[in-house]
Amino acid sequence: MKSSSNLHAKTALLILMMVTFGPLGNALLGKGMKRIGPITIRALPDLFHILYQVFTSGVIWLGMLSLLMFLLSYMLVLSWADYSYVQPSSSFAYGVIALWGHFLLHETITPIRWIGVLTICAGVFVVGYTHPRTTEHN
């Protein structure tokens, strides 16, 4: 059986990956779709044109790859850590989302939104001080 500090370390690493790759993937998808512009499908050829634009966009492919990395990290960490630990801990991503939105997408983040993000992150630190696994390992 793995030691408690080893469990904490690998859980923290995978949650860090989740918190990085999930928001990054979503930000890249957002950036890629903004480059494509508003989508209006009035006829079948419009759909094929949009699909062509989406699947030839490097930014969108990077976003999909990043989201795949998020999914793999999420599945791995859930194989040994409690969902009730992982999900609140991964909420630290809200802070990363605000940062990606501000720096990558050039969005304005209002002070009240920053206060909300910091409140969520404070809750993540509280959850982070608990043990990642409360059930027996089979």
C-alpha atoms as a PDB file:
ATOM      1  CA  MET A   1       0.000   0.000   0.000  1.00  0.00           C
ATOM      2  CA  LYS A   2       1.257   3.489  -0.890  1.00  0.00           C
ATOM      3  CA  SER A   3       2.358   5.869   1.823  1.00  0.00           C
ATOM      4  CA  SER A   4       0.156   8.828   2.723  1.00  0.00           C
ATOM      5  CA  SER A   5       2.689  11.415   1.521  1.00  0.00           C
ATOM      6  CA  ASN A   6       3.106   9.566  -1.795  1.00  0.00           C
ATOM      7  CA  LEU A   7      -0.691   9.522  -2.217  1.00  0.00           C
ATOM      8  CA  HIS A   8      -0.854  13.257  -1.472  1.00  0.00           C
ATOM      9  CA  ALA A   9       1.973  13.996  -3.927  1.00  0.00           C
ATOM     10  CA  LYS A  10       0.583  12.071  -6.888  1.00  0.00           C
ATOM     11  CA  THR A  11      -2.936  13.349  -6.183  1.00  0.00           C
ATOM     12  CA  ALA A  12      -1.660  16.934  -6.045  1.00  0.00           C
ATOM     13  CA  LEU A  13       0.255  16.463  -9.308  1.00  0.00           C
ATOM     14  CA  LEU A  14      -2.762  15.134 -11.174  1.00  0.00           C
ATOM     15  CA  ILE A  15      -5.062  17.802  -9.758  1.00  0.00           C
ATOM     16  CA  LEU A  16      -2.504  20.391 -10.869  1.00  0.00           C
ATOM     17  CA  MET A  17      -2.633  18.850 -14.352  1.00  0.00           C
ATOM     18  CA  MET A  18      -6.446  18.965 -14.287  1.00  0.00           C
ATOM     19  CA  VAL A  19      -6.434  22.577 -13.110  1.00  0.00           C
ATOM     20  CA  THR A  20      -4.010  23.512 -15.890  1.00  0.00           C
ATOM     21  CA  PHE A  21      -5.215  21.479 -18.865  1.00  0.00           C
ATOM     22  CA  GLY A  22      -8.990  21.844 -18.382  1.00  0.00           C
ATOM     23  CA  PRO A  23      -9.108  25.653 -18.390  1.00  0.00           C
ATOM     24  CA  LEU A  24      -6.362  25.885 -21.018  1.00  0.00           C
ATOM     25  CA  GLY A  25      -8.299  23.570 -23.330  1.00  0.00           C
ATOM     26  CA  ASN A  26     -11.485  25.561 -22.885  1.00  0.00           C
ATOM     27  CA  ALA A  27      -9.650  28.866 -23.419  1.00  0.00           C
ATOM     28  CA  LEU A  28      -8.024  27.541 -26.589  1.00  0.00           C
ATOM     29  CA  LEU A  29     -11.376  26.286 -27.889  1.00  0.00           C
ATOM     30  CA  GLY A  30     -12.872  29.694 -27.117  1.00  0.00           C
ATOM     31  CA  LYS A  31     -10.031  31.488 -28.881  1.00  0.00           C
ATOM     32  CA  GLY A  32     -10.306  29.185 -31.896  1.00  0.00           C
ATOM     33  CA  MET A  33     -14.062  29.592 -32.175  1.00  0.00           C
ATOM     34  CA  LYS A  34     -13.791  33.385 -31.867  1.00  0.00           C
ATOM     35  CA  ARG A  35     -11.389  33.305 -34.822  1.00  0.00           C
ATOM     36  CA  ILE A  36     -13.999  31.382 -36.821  1.00  0.00           C
ATOM     37  CA  GLY A  37     -16.691  33.877 -35.850  1.00  0.00           C
ATOM     38  CA  PRO A  38     -20.418  33.528 -35.284  1.00  0.00           C
ATOM     39  CA  ILE A  39     -21.839  30.344 -36.721  1.00  0.00           C
ATOM     40  CA  THR A  40     -24.955  30.434 -38.848  1.00  0.00           C
ATOM     41  CA  ILE A  41     -26.079  27.250 -40.532  1.00  0.00           C
ATOM     42  CA  ARG A  42     -28.789  27.824 -43.111  1.00  0.00           C
ATOM     43  CA  ALA A  43     -28.018  24.948 -45.439  1.00  0.00           C
ATOM     44  CA  LEU A  44     -26.017  21.726 -45.375  1.00  0.00           C
ATOM     45  CA  PRO A  45     -22.998  23.257 -47.175  1.00  0.00           C
ATOM     46  CA  ASP A  46     -22.737  25.794 -44.320  1.00  0.00           C
ATOM     47  CA  LEU A  47     -22.314  22.917 -41.868  1.00  0.00           C
ATOM     48  CA  PHE A  48     -19.514  21.370 -43.917  1.00  0.00           C
ATOM     49  CA  HIS A  49     -17.776  24.740 -44.205  1.00  0.00           C
ATOM     50  CA  ILE A  50     -17.921  25.245 -40.429  1.00  0.00           C
ATOM     51  CA  LEU A  51     -16.643  21.701 -39.775  1.00  0.00           C
ATOM     52  CA  TYR A  52     -13.784  22.333 -42.193  1.00  0.00           C
ATOM     53  CA  GLN A  53     -12.867  25.554 -40.377  1.00  0.00           C
ATOM     54  CA  VAL A  54     -13.049  23.852 -36.975  1.00  0.00           C
ATOM     55  CA  PHE A  55     -11.011  20.796 -37.893  1.00  0.00           C
ATOM     56  CA  THR A  56      -8.304  22.751 -39.720  1.00  0.00           C
ATOM     57  CA  SER A  57      -7.711  25.118 -36.812  1.00  0.00           C
ATOM     58  CA  GLY A  58      -4.497  24.424 -34.923  1.00  0.00           C
ATOM     59  CA  VAL A  59      -5.743  26.355 -31.902  1.00  0.00           C
ATOM     60  CA  ILE A  60      -8.847  24.167 -31.672  1.00  0.00           C
ATOM     61  CA  TRP A  61      -6.740  20.997 -32.006  1.00  0.00           C
ATOM     62  CA  LEU A  62      -4.500  22.225 -29.171  1.00  0.00           C
ATOM     63  CA  GLY A  63      -7.627  22.851 -27.122  1.00  0.00           C
ATOM     64  CA  MET A  64      -8.901  19.328 -27.780  1.00  0.00           C
ATOM     65  CA  LEU A  65      -5.504  17.836 -26.893  1.00  0.00           C
ATOM     66  CA  SER A  66      -5.427  19.841 -23.679  1.00  0.00           C
ATOM     67  CA  LEU A  67      -8.932  18.656 -22.763  1.00  0.00           C
ATOM     68  CA  LEU A  68      -7.871  15.070 -23.471  1.00  0.00           C
ATOM     69  CA  MET A  69      -4.972  15.514 -21.037  1.00  0.00           C
ATOM     70  CA  PHE A  70      -7.460  16.894 -18.500  1.00  0.00           C
ATOM     71  CA  LEU A  71      -9.712  13.858 -18.961  1.00  0.00           C
ATOM     72  CA  LEU A  72      -6.845  11.381 -18.554  1.00  0.00           C
ATOM     73  CA  SER A  73      -5.638  13.144 -15.391  1.00  0.00           C
ATOM     74  CA  TYR A  74      -9.181  13.195 -14.023  1.00  0.00           C
ATOM     75  CA  MET A  75      -9.728   9.495 -14.643  1.00  0.00           C
ATOM     76  CA  LEU A  76      -6.392   8.560 -13.076  1.00  0.00           C
ATOM     77  CA  VAL A  77      -6.867  10.600  -9.911  1.00  0.00           C
ATOM     78  CA  LEU A  78     -10.401   9.256  -9.446  1.00  0.00           C
ATOM     79  CA  SER A  79      -8.990   5.719  -9.509  1.00  0.00           C
ATOM     80  CA  TRP A  80      -7.461   6.250  -6.043  1.00  0.00           C
ATOM     81  CA  ALA A  81      -8.777   9.491  -4.520  1.00  0.00           C
ATOM     82  CA  ASP A  82     -12.280  10.254  -3.275  1.00  0.00           C
ATOM     83  CA  TYR A  83     -14.567  12.117  -5.639  1.00  0.00           C
ATOM     84  CA  SER A  84     -15.553  14.324  -2.681  1.00  0.00           C
ATOM     85  CA  TYR A  85     -11.887  15.378  -2.469  1.00  0.00           C
ATOM     86  CA  VAL A  86     -11.050  15.615  -6.182  1.00  0.00           C
ATOM     87  CA  GLN A  87     -14.000  17.659  -7.345  1.00  0.00           C
ATOM     88  CA  PRO A  88     -13.706  20.478  -4.774  1.00  0.00           C
ATOM     89  CA  SER A  89      -9.913  20.493  -5.164  1.00  0.00           C
ATOM     90  CA  SER A  90     -10.222  20.837  -8.910  1.00  0.00           C
ATOM     91  CA  SER A  91     -12.339  23.954  -8.337  1.00  0.00           C
ATOM     92  CA  PHE A  92      -9.019  25.795  -8.070  1.00  0.00           C
ATOM     93  CA  ALA A  93      -9.410  25.803 -11.855  1.00  0.00           C
ATOM     94  CA  TYR A  94     -11.774  28.760 -11.465  1.00  0.00           C
ATOM     95  CA  GLY A  95      -8.762  30.866 -10.552  1.00  0.00           C
ATOM     96  CA  VAL A  96      -6.847  29.550 -13.545  1.00  0.00           C
ATOM     97  CA  ILE A  97      -9.866  30.204 -15.783  1.00  0.00           C
ATOM     98  CA  ALA A  98      -9.892  33.851 -14.735  1.00  0.00           C
ATOM     99  CA  LEU A  99      -6.157  34.130 -15.433  1.00  0.00           C
ATOM    100  CA  TRP A 100      -6.413  32.438 -18.856  1.00  0.00           C
ATOM    101  CA  GLY A 101      -9.427  34.623 -19.693  1.00  0.00           C
ATOM    102  CA  HIS A 102      -7.548  37.774 -18.763  1.00  0.00           C
ATOM    103  CA  PHE A 103      -4.162  36.987 -20.315  1.00  0.00           C
ATOM    104  CA  LEU A 104      -4.999  34.663 -23.223  1.00  0.00           C
ATOM    105  CA  LEU A 105      -8.415  35.950 -24.292  1.00  0.00           C
ATOM    106  CA  HIS A 106      -7.879  39.573 -23.133  1.00  0.00           C
ATOM    107  CA  GLU A 107     -11.110  39.607 -21.133  1.00  0.00           C
ATOM    108  CA  THR A 108     -11.747  42.148 -18.403  1.00  0.00           C
ATOM    109  CA  ILE A 109     -12.179  40.546 -14.984  1.00  0.00           C
ATOM    110  CA  THR A 110     -14.051  42.833 -12.614  1.00  0.00           C
ATOM    111  CA  PRO A 111     -12.977  43.197  -8.969  1.00  0.00           C
ATOM    112  CA  ILE A 112     -16.158  41.487  -7.741  1.00  0.00           C
ATOM    113  CA  ARG A 113     -15.404  38.511  -9.984  1.00  0.00           C
ATOM    114  CA  TRP A 114     -11.845  38.343  -8.591  1.00  0.00           C
ATOM    115  CA  ILE A 115     -13.309  38.339  -5.074  1.00  0.00           C
ATOM    116  CA  GLY A 116     -15.568  35.418  -6.020  1.00  0.00           C
ATOM    117  CA  VAL A 117     -12.655  33.500  -7.542  1.00  0.00           C
ATOM    118  CA  LEU A 118     -10.517  34.091  -4.454  1.00  0.00           C
ATOM    119  CA  THR A 119     -13.364  32.873  -2.229  1.00  0.00           C
ATOM    120  CA  ILE A 120     -13.583  29.646  -4.219  1.00  0.00           C
ATOM    121  CA  CYS A 121      -9.802  29.197  -4.045  1.00  0.00           C
ATOM    122  CA  ALA A 122      -9.889  29.676  -0.264  1.00  0.00           C
ATOM    123  CA  GLY A 123     -12.383  26.811  -0.059  1.00  0.00           C
ATOM    124  CA  VAL A 124     -10.052  24.677  -2.154  1.00  0.00           C
ATOM    125  CA  PHE A 125      -7.268  25.201   0.376  1.00  0.00           C
ATOM    126  CA  VAL A 126      -9.586  24.012   3.167  1.00  0.00           C
ATOM    127  CA  VAL A 127     -10.420  20.828   1.243  1.00  0.00           C
ATOM    128  CA  GLY A 128      -6.735  20.386   0.362  1.00  0.00           C
ATOM    129  CA  TYR A 129      -5.843  19.952   4.030  1.00  0.00           C
ATOM    130  CA  THR A 130      -7.982  16.812   4.276  1.00  0.00           C
ATOM    131  CA  HIS A 131      -6.887  13.324   3.260  1.00  0.00           C
ATOM    132  CA  PRO A 132      -7.627  12.463  -0.382  1.00  0.00           C
ATOM    133  CA  ARG A 133      -8.942   9.006   0.497  1.00  0.00           C
ATOM    134  CA  THR A 134     -11.405   8.164   3.258  1.00  0.00           C
ATOM    135  CA  THR A 135     -12.472   4.731   2.040  1.00  0.00           C
ATOM    136  CA  GLU A 136     -10.604   1.436   2.188  1.00  0.00           C
ATOM    137  CA  HIS A 137      -8.698   0.448  -0.929  1.00  0.00           C
ATOM    138  CA  ASN A 138      -9.817  -2.897  -2.387  1.00  0.00           C
END
